[in-house]
């Protein structure tokens, strides 16, 4: 009497395993490669202070792409292979003398790109189509690198583009940069900066 029982149990296990196998394609992640879009919304802004007044530099000369992962419900669940760079001399304040002094301080001729490479990311859904991405990556400025942790907010738009924004605080001296001064030292730039970014991404490739 025990033999039929074992046979039936094995047959049930086989049917369950077969069902799970058939359902597997529905949960495979789709990975899409996105590149940054050149539009009026995409920009990077650097805000700082001095003993005279606050200042700001902005750039739209940005290169970036990343692999965004989605589940079967088209929900964002991961981010990998992400990189970002901005041309150092594309940062503009509207004052040429300040720009040139800044380029000299960050060694823009020797290191023309400020770059970032993602090492890990954790995506959390905030609400429909809106996500918080806790990232860790390596930021390179003036030939010096630092590992930074940063929260990025991402919105998946109706046209499947992705809008990302966030801020990060950093210190110039962490990258071996001496805060510049102007007007024979009368104006001294502070050591603390705030980097703000607004980046729009469009899909280029999708794979399983």
C-alpha atoms as a PDB file:
ATOM      1  CA  UNK A   1       0.000   0.000   0.000  1.00  0.00           C
ATOM      2  CA  UNK A   2       2.922   2.381   0.526  1.00  0.00           C
ATOM      3  CA  UNK A   3       4.182   2.197  -3.081  1.00  0.00           C
ATOM      4  CA  UNK A   4       1.162   3.955  -4.704  1.00  0.00           C
ATOM      5  CA  UNK A   5       1.410   6.673  -2.044  1.00  0.00           C
ATOM      6  CA  UNK A   6       5.018   7.444  -2.971  1.00  0.00           C
ATOM      7  CA  UNK A   7       4.166   7.359  -6.665  1.00  0.00           C
ATOM      8  CA  UNK A   8       1.309   9.807  -6.216  1.00  0.00           C
ATOM      9  CA  UNK A   9       3.494  12.120  -4.115  1.00  0.00           C
ATOM     10  CA  UNK A  10       6.206  12.110  -6.768  1.00  0.00           C
ATOM     11  CA  UNK A  11       3.655  12.753  -9.505  1.00  0.00           C
ATOM     12  CA  UNK A  12       2.245  15.750  -7.612  1.00  0.00           C
ATOM     13  CA  UNK A  13       5.754  17.152  -7.124  1.00  0.00           C
ATOM     14  CA  UNK A  14       6.414  16.729 -10.827  1.00  0.00           C
ATOM     15  CA  UNK A  15       3.223  18.597 -11.732  1.00  0.00           C
ATOM     16  CA  UNK A  16       4.113  21.469  -9.376  1.00  0.00           C
ATOM     17  CA  UNK A  17       7.643  21.705 -10.770  1.00  0.00           C
ATOM     18  CA  UNK A  18       6.262  21.678 -14.331  1.00  0.00           C
ATOM     19  CA  UNK A  19       3.818  24.454 -13.490  1.00  0.00           C
ATOM     20  CA  UNK A  20       6.558  26.608 -11.970  1.00  0.00           C
ATOM     21  CA  UNK A  21       8.699  26.045 -15.065  1.00  0.00           C
ATOM     22  CA  UNK A  22       5.869  27.193 -17.332  1.00  0.00           C
ATOM     23  CA  UNK A  23       5.317  30.301 -15.239  1.00  0.00           C
ATOM     24  CA  UNK A  24       9.009  31.265 -15.080  1.00  0.00           C
ATOM     25  CA  UNK A  25       9.056  33.336 -18.342  1.00  0.00           C
ATOM     26  CA  UNK A  26       6.495  35.670 -16.825  1.00  0.00           C
ATOM     27  CA  UNK A  27       8.856  36.795 -14.089  1.00  0.00           C
ATOM     28  CA  UNK A  28      12.109  37.111 -16.067  1.00  0.00           C
ATOM     29  CA  UNK A  29      13.611  40.542 -15.639  1.00  0.00           C
ATOM     30  CA  UNK A  30      13.956  42.786 -18.673  1.00  0.00           C
ATOM     31  CA  UNK A  31      17.125  44.851 -18.731  1.00  0.00           C
ATOM     32  CA  UNK A  32      17.067  48.068 -20.741  1.00  0.00           C
ATOM     33  CA  UNK A  33      20.011  50.273 -21.605  1.00  0.00           C
ATOM     34  CA  UNK A  34      19.219  53.954 -21.199  1.00  0.00           C
ATOM     35  CA  UNK A  35      21.299  56.945 -22.308  1.00  0.00           C
ATOM     36  CA  UNK A  36      21.060  60.495 -21.058  1.00  0.00           C
ATOM     37  CA  UNK A  37      18.964  62.789 -23.246  1.00  0.00           C
ATOM     38  CA  UNK A  38      20.101  66.198 -24.454  1.00  0.00           C
ATOM     39  CA  UNK A  39      17.256  68.518 -23.513  1.00  0.00           C
ATOM     40  CA  UNK A  40      16.551  71.597 -21.428  1.00  0.00           C
ATOM     41  CA  UNK A  41      15.856  69.525 -18.298  1.00  0.00           C
ATOM     42  CA  UNK A  42      19.167  67.644 -18.249  1.00  0.00           C
ATOM     43  CA  UNK A  43      21.835  69.524 -16.328  1.00  0.00           C
ATOM     44  CA  UNK A  44      24.324  69.414 -13.486  1.00  0.00           C
ATOM     45  CA  UNK A  45      24.649  72.337 -11.088  1.00  0.00           C
ATOM     46  CA  UNK A  46      27.416  73.033  -8.582  1.00  0.00           C
ATOM     47  CA  UNK A  47      26.515  75.374  -5.720  1.00  0.00           C
ATOM     48  CA  UNK A  48      29.060  76.879  -3.367  1.00  0.00           C
ATOM     49  CA  UNK A  49      29.728  79.753  -1.002  1.00  0.00           C
ATOM     50  CA  UNK A  50      32.441  82.320  -0.479  1.00  0.00           C
ATOM     51  CA  UNK A  51      33.143  85.000   2.082  1.00  0.00           C
ATOM     52  CA  UNK A  52      31.513  87.486  -0.347  1.00  0.00           C
ATOM     53  CA  UNK A  53      28.498  85.727  -1.914  1.00  0.00           C
ATOM     54  CA  UNK A  54      27.062  82.387  -2.984  1.00  0.00           C
ATOM     55  CA  UNK A  55      27.889  81.128  -6.471  1.00  0.00           C
ATOM     56  CA  UNK A  56      26.693  78.580  -8.998  1.00  0.00           C
ATOM     57  CA  UNK A  57      28.116  76.761 -12.019  1.00  0.00           C
ATOM     58  CA  UNK A  58      26.036  74.739 -14.504  1.00  0.00           C
ATOM     59  CA  UNK A  59      26.782  72.251 -17.289  1.00  0.00           C
ATOM     60  CA  UNK A  60      24.722  70.450 -19.916  1.00  0.00           C
ATOM     61  CA  UNK A  61      27.708  68.674 -21.499  1.00  0.00           C
ATOM     62  CA  UNK A  62      26.900  65.290 -19.950  1.00  0.00           C
ATOM     63  CA  UNK A  63      27.496  61.691 -20.974  1.00  0.00           C
ATOM     64  CA  UNK A  64      25.740  58.906 -19.090  1.00  0.00           C
ATOM     65  CA  UNK A  65      24.132  55.502 -19.514  1.00  0.00           C
ATOM     66  CA  UNK A  66      22.933  52.669 -17.331  1.00  0.00           C
ATOM     67  CA  UNK A  67      21.183  49.301 -17.354  1.00  0.00           C
ATOM     68  CA  UNK A  68      17.762  49.675 -15.739  1.00  0.00           C
ATOM     69  CA  UNK A  69      16.024  46.406 -14.785  1.00  0.00           C
ATOM     70  CA  UNK A  70      12.251  45.923 -14.809  1.00  0.00           C
ATOM     71  CA  UNK A  71      10.012  43.053 -13.724  1.00  0.00           C
ATOM     72  CA  UNK A  72       7.031  41.603 -15.615  1.00  0.00           C
ATOM     73  CA  UNK A  73       4.826  44.432 -14.323  1.00  0.00           C
ATOM     74  CA  UNK A  74       7.212  47.031 -15.790  1.00  0.00           C
ATOM     75  CA  UNK A  75       8.262  48.074 -12.303  1.00  0.00           C
ATOM     76  CA  UNK A  76      11.821  49.290 -11.836  1.00  0.00           C
ATOM     77  CA  UNK A  77      13.698  46.807  -9.640  1.00  0.00           C
ATOM     78  CA  UNK A  78      17.403  47.365 -10.331  1.00  0.00           C
ATOM     79  CA  UNK A  79      20.163  49.500 -11.771  1.00  0.00           C
ATOM     80  CA  UNK A  80      23.613  48.368 -12.909  1.00  0.00           C
ATOM     81  CA  UNK A  81      26.469  49.234 -15.249  1.00  0.00           C
ATOM     82  CA  UNK A  82      25.751  52.919 -14.657  1.00  0.00           C
ATOM     83  CA  UNK A  83      28.295  55.606 -15.492  1.00  0.00           C
ATOM     84  CA  UNK A  84      28.285  59.380 -15.737  1.00  0.00           C
ATOM     85  CA  UNK A  85      30.690  62.103 -16.804  1.00  0.00           C
ATOM     86  CA  UNK A  86      30.651  65.856 -17.339  1.00  0.00           C
ATOM     87  CA  UNK A  87      33.235  67.929 -19.188  1.00  0.00           C
ATOM     88  CA  UNK A  88      35.024  69.971 -16.514  1.00  0.00           C
ATOM     89  CA  UNK A  89      35.371  73.069 -18.687  1.00  0.00           C
ATOM     90  CA  UNK A  90      31.683  72.987 -19.594  1.00  0.00           C
ATOM     91  CA  UNK A  91      30.829  74.174 -16.059  1.00  0.00           C
ATOM     92  CA  UNK A  92      29.953  77.871 -16.367  1.00  0.00           C
ATOM     93  CA  UNK A  93      29.199  80.519 -13.761  1.00  0.00           C
ATOM     94  CA  UNK A  94      28.576  83.437 -16.090  1.00  0.00           C
ATOM     95  CA  UNK A  95      31.837  85.030 -14.972  1.00  0.00           C
ATOM     96  CA  UNK A  96      34.845  84.090 -17.087  1.00  0.00           C
ATOM     97  CA  UNK A  97      37.418  85.013 -14.430  1.00  0.00           C
ATOM     98  CA  UNK A  98      35.801  82.681 -11.890  1.00  0.00           C
ATOM     99  CA  UNK A  99      35.463  79.936 -14.498  1.00  0.00           C
ATOM    100  CA  UNK A 100      39.149  80.062 -15.425  1.00  0.00           C
ATOM    101  CA  UNK A 101      40.262  80.035 -11.797  1.00  0.00           C
ATOM    102  CA  UNK A 102      37.970  77.086 -11.115  1.00  0.00           C
ATOM    103  CA  UNK A 103      39.327  75.137 -14.096  1.00  0.00           C
ATOM    104  CA  UNK A 104      42.839  75.720 -12.816  1.00  0.00           C
ATOM    105  CA  UNK A 105      41.901  74.545  -9.306  1.00  0.00           C
ATOM    106  CA  UNK A 106      40.297  71.310 -10.532  1.00  0.00           C
ATOM    107  CA  UNK A 107      43.116  70.697 -13.048  1.00  0.00           C
ATOM    108  CA  UNK A 108      40.637  70.657 -15.924  1.00  0.00           C
ATOM    109  CA  UNK A 109      43.345  70.588 -18.598  1.00  0.00           C
ATOM    110  CA  UNK A 110      44.981  67.450 -17.163  1.00  0.00           C
ATOM    111  CA  UNK A 111      41.685  65.843 -16.101  1.00  0.00           C
ATOM    112  CA  UNK A 112      39.031  67.038 -18.571  1.00  0.00           C
ATOM    113  CA  UNK A 113      36.250  64.800 -17.235  1.00  0.00           C
ATOM    114  CA  UNK A 114      34.539  64.628 -13.861  1.00  0.00           C
ATOM    115  CA  UNK A 115      33.263  61.051 -13.764  1.00  0.00           C
ATOM    116  CA  UNK A 116      31.207  58.649 -11.682  1.00  0.00           C
ATOM    117  CA  UNK A 117      30.847  54.843 -11.827  1.00  0.00           C
ATOM    118  CA  UNK A 118      28.177  52.928  -9.953  1.00  0.00           C
ATOM    119  CA  UNK A 119      29.247  49.956  -7.814  1.00  0.00           C
ATOM    120  CA  UNK A 120      25.892  49.027  -6.244  1.00  0.00           C
ATOM    121  CA  UNK A 121      22.264  50.164  -6.140  1.00  0.00           C
ATOM    122  CA  UNK A 122      19.124  49.263  -4.190  1.00  0.00           C
ATOM    123  CA  UNK A 123      15.768  50.284  -5.655  1.00  0.00           C
ATOM    124  CA  UNK A 124      12.696  50.938  -3.491  1.00  0.00           C
ATOM    125  CA  UNK A 125       9.264  51.774  -4.874  1.00  0.00           C
ATOM    126  CA  UNK A 126       7.882  54.993  -3.359  1.00  0.00           C
ATOM    127  CA  UNK A 127       4.628  55.178  -5.287  1.00  0.00           C
ATOM    128  CA  UNK A 128       3.379  54.300  -8.758  1.00  0.00           C
ATOM    129  CA  UNK A 129       6.249  54.801 -11.244  1.00  0.00           C
ATOM    130  CA  UNK A 130       8.351  56.643  -8.650  1.00  0.00           C
ATOM    131  CA  UNK A 131      11.411  55.076  -7.012  1.00  0.00           C
ATOM    132  CA  UNK A 132      14.149  55.809  -4.509  1.00  0.00           C
ATOM    133  CA  UNK A 133      17.548  54.405  -5.515  1.00  0.00           C
ATOM    134  CA  UNK A 134      20.223  54.142  -2.822  1.00  0.00           C
ATOM    135  CA  UNK A 135      23.508  54.096  -4.676  1.00  0.00           C
ATOM    136  CA  UNK A 136      27.182  53.568  -3.947  1.00  0.00           C
ATOM    137  CA  UNK A 137      29.787  54.540  -6.495  1.00  0.00           C
ATOM    138  CA  UNK A 138      33.174  56.065  -7.238  1.00  0.00           C
ATOM    139  CA  UNK A 139      33.449  59.771  -8.021  1.00  0.00           C
ATOM    140  CA  UNK A 140      36.578  61.048  -9.766  1.00  0.00           C
ATOM    141  CA  UNK A 141      37.472  64.752  -9.671  1.00  0.00           C
ATOM    142  CA  UNK A 142      40.854  66.162 -10.657  1.00  0.00           C
ATOM    143  CA  UNK A 143      42.346  62.670 -10.754  1.00  0.00           C
ATOM    144  CA  UNK A 144      41.305  61.836  -7.185  1.00  0.00           C
ATOM    145  CA  UNK A 145      38.620  59.267  -6.365  1.00  0.00           C
ATOM    146  CA  UNK A 146      36.236  58.888  -3.459  1.00  0.00           C
ATOM    147  CA  UNK A 147      33.529  56.316  -2.762  1.00  0.00           C
ATOM    148  CA  UNK A 148      30.228  58.082  -2.151  1.00  0.00           C
ATOM    149  CA  UNK A 149      26.735  56.995  -1.128  1.00  0.00           C
ATOM    150  CA  UNK A 150      23.879  58.920  -2.664  1.00  0.00           C
ATOM    151  CA  UNK A 151      20.086  58.731  -2.876  1.00  0.00           C
ATOM    152  CA  UNK A 152      18.620  59.236  -6.337  1.00  0.00           C
ATOM    153  CA  UNK A 153      14.924  59.745  -7.059  1.00  0.00           C
ATOM    154  CA  UNK A 154      13.700  58.234 -10.335  1.00  0.00           C
ATOM    155  CA  UNK A 155      10.414  58.674 -12.190  1.00  0.00           C
ATOM    156  CA  UNK A 156       9.433  56.321 -15.021  1.00  0.00           C
ATOM    157  CA  UNK A 157       7.415  58.451 -17.432  1.00  0.00           C
ATOM    158  CA  UNK A 158       4.528  57.398 -19.673  1.00  0.00           C
ATOM    159  CA  UNK A 159       6.816  57.359 -22.732  1.00  0.00           C
ATOM    160  CA  UNK A 160       9.220  54.957 -20.893  1.00  0.00           C
ATOM    161  CA  UNK A 161      11.832  57.661 -20.395  1.00  0.00           C
ATOM    162  CA  UNK A 162      13.292  57.952 -16.883  1.00  0.00           C
ATOM    163  CA  UNK A 163      13.851  61.227 -15.028  1.00  0.00           C
ATOM    164  CA  UNK A 164      16.405  61.190 -12.210  1.00  0.00           C
ATOM    165  CA  UNK A 165      17.351  63.882  -9.743  1.00  0.00           C
ATOM    166  CA  UNK A 166      19.332  64.219  -6.541  1.00  0.00           C
ATOM    167  CA  UNK A 167      21.931  66.151  -4.596  1.00  0.00           C
ATOM    168  CA  UNK A 168      25.279  65.314  -3.048  1.00  0.00           C
ATOM    169  CA  UNK A 169      27.501  67.265  -0.677  1.00  0.00           C
ATOM    170  CA  UNK A 170      31.264  67.083  -1.009  1.00  0.00           C
ATOM    171  CA  UNK A 171      34.433  68.821   0.134  1.00  0.00           C
ATOM    172  CA  UNK A 172      37.037  70.085  -2.329  1.00  0.00           C
ATOM    173  CA  UNK A 173      39.922  69.035  -0.105  1.00  0.00           C
ATOM    174  CA  UNK A 174      38.724  65.409  -0.236  1.00  0.00           C
ATOM    175  CA  UNK A 175      39.805  65.507  -3.887  1.00  0.00           C
ATOM    176  CA  UNK A 176      43.091  67.277  -3.281  1.00  0.00           C
ATOM    177  CA  UNK A 177      41.678  70.625  -4.436  1.00  0.00           C
ATOM    178  CA  UNK A 178      42.650  73.833  -2.688  1.00  0.00           C
ATOM    179  CA  UNK A 179      39.578  76.119  -2.557  1.00  0.00           C
ATOM    180  CA  UNK A 180      40.322  78.940  -5.028  1.00  0.00           C
ATOM    181  CA  UNK A 181      40.487  82.611  -4.175  1.00  0.00           C
ATOM    182  CA  UNK A 182      39.878  85.706  -6.303  1.00  0.00           C
ATOM    183  CA  UNK A 183      40.712  89.407  -6.346  1.00  0.00           C
ATOM    184  CA  UNK A 184      44.102  88.843  -4.699  1.00  0.00           C
ATOM    185  CA  UNK A 185      42.544  86.824  -1.914  1.00  0.00           C
ATOM    186  CA  UNK A 186      39.702  89.232  -1.139  1.00  0.00           C
ATOM    187  CA  UNK A 187      37.162  86.558  -2.184  1.00  0.00           C
ATOM    188  CA  UNK A 188      37.723  83.060  -0.848  1.00  0.00           C
ATOM    189  CA  UNK A 189      35.669  80.078  -1.955  1.00  0.00           C
ATOM    190  CA  UNK A 190      34.409  77.745   0.752  1.00  0.00           C
ATOM    191  CA  UNK A 191      35.462  74.100   0.954  1.00  0.00           C
ATOM    192  CA  UNK A 192      31.915  72.690   0.864  1.00  0.00           C
ATOM    193  CA  UNK A 193      29.967  72.188  -2.361  1.00  0.00           C
ATOM    194  CA  UNK A 194      26.524  70.849  -3.250  1.00  0.00           C
ATOM    195  CA  UNK A 195      26.150  68.980  -6.533  1.00  0.00           C
ATOM    196  CA  UNK A 196      22.626  68.906  -7.982  1.00  0.00           C
ATOM    197  CA  UNK A 197      21.634  66.880 -10.997  1.00  0.00           C
ATOM    198  CA  UNK A 198      18.535  66.577 -13.150  1.00  0.00           C
ATOM    199  CA  UNK A 199      18.937  63.879 -15.791  1.00  0.00           C
ATOM    200  CA  UNK A 200      16.493  62.489 -18.338  1.00  0.00           C
ATOM    201  CA  UNK A 201      17.178  59.066 -19.885  1.00  0.00           C
ATOM    202  CA  UNK A 202      15.778  57.440 -23.020  1.00  0.00           C
ATOM    203  CA  UNK A 203      15.775  53.718 -23.778  1.00  0.00           C
ATOM    204  CA  UNK A 204      18.121  52.445 -26.474  1.00  0.00           C
ATOM    205  CA  UNK A 205      18.234  48.624 -26.057  1.00  0.00           C
ATOM    206  CA  UNK A 206      16.134  46.015 -24.238  1.00  0.00           C
ATOM    207  CA  UNK A 207      17.273  42.466 -23.495  1.00  0.00           C
ATOM    208  CA  UNK A 208      16.258  39.534 -21.300  1.00  0.00           C
END
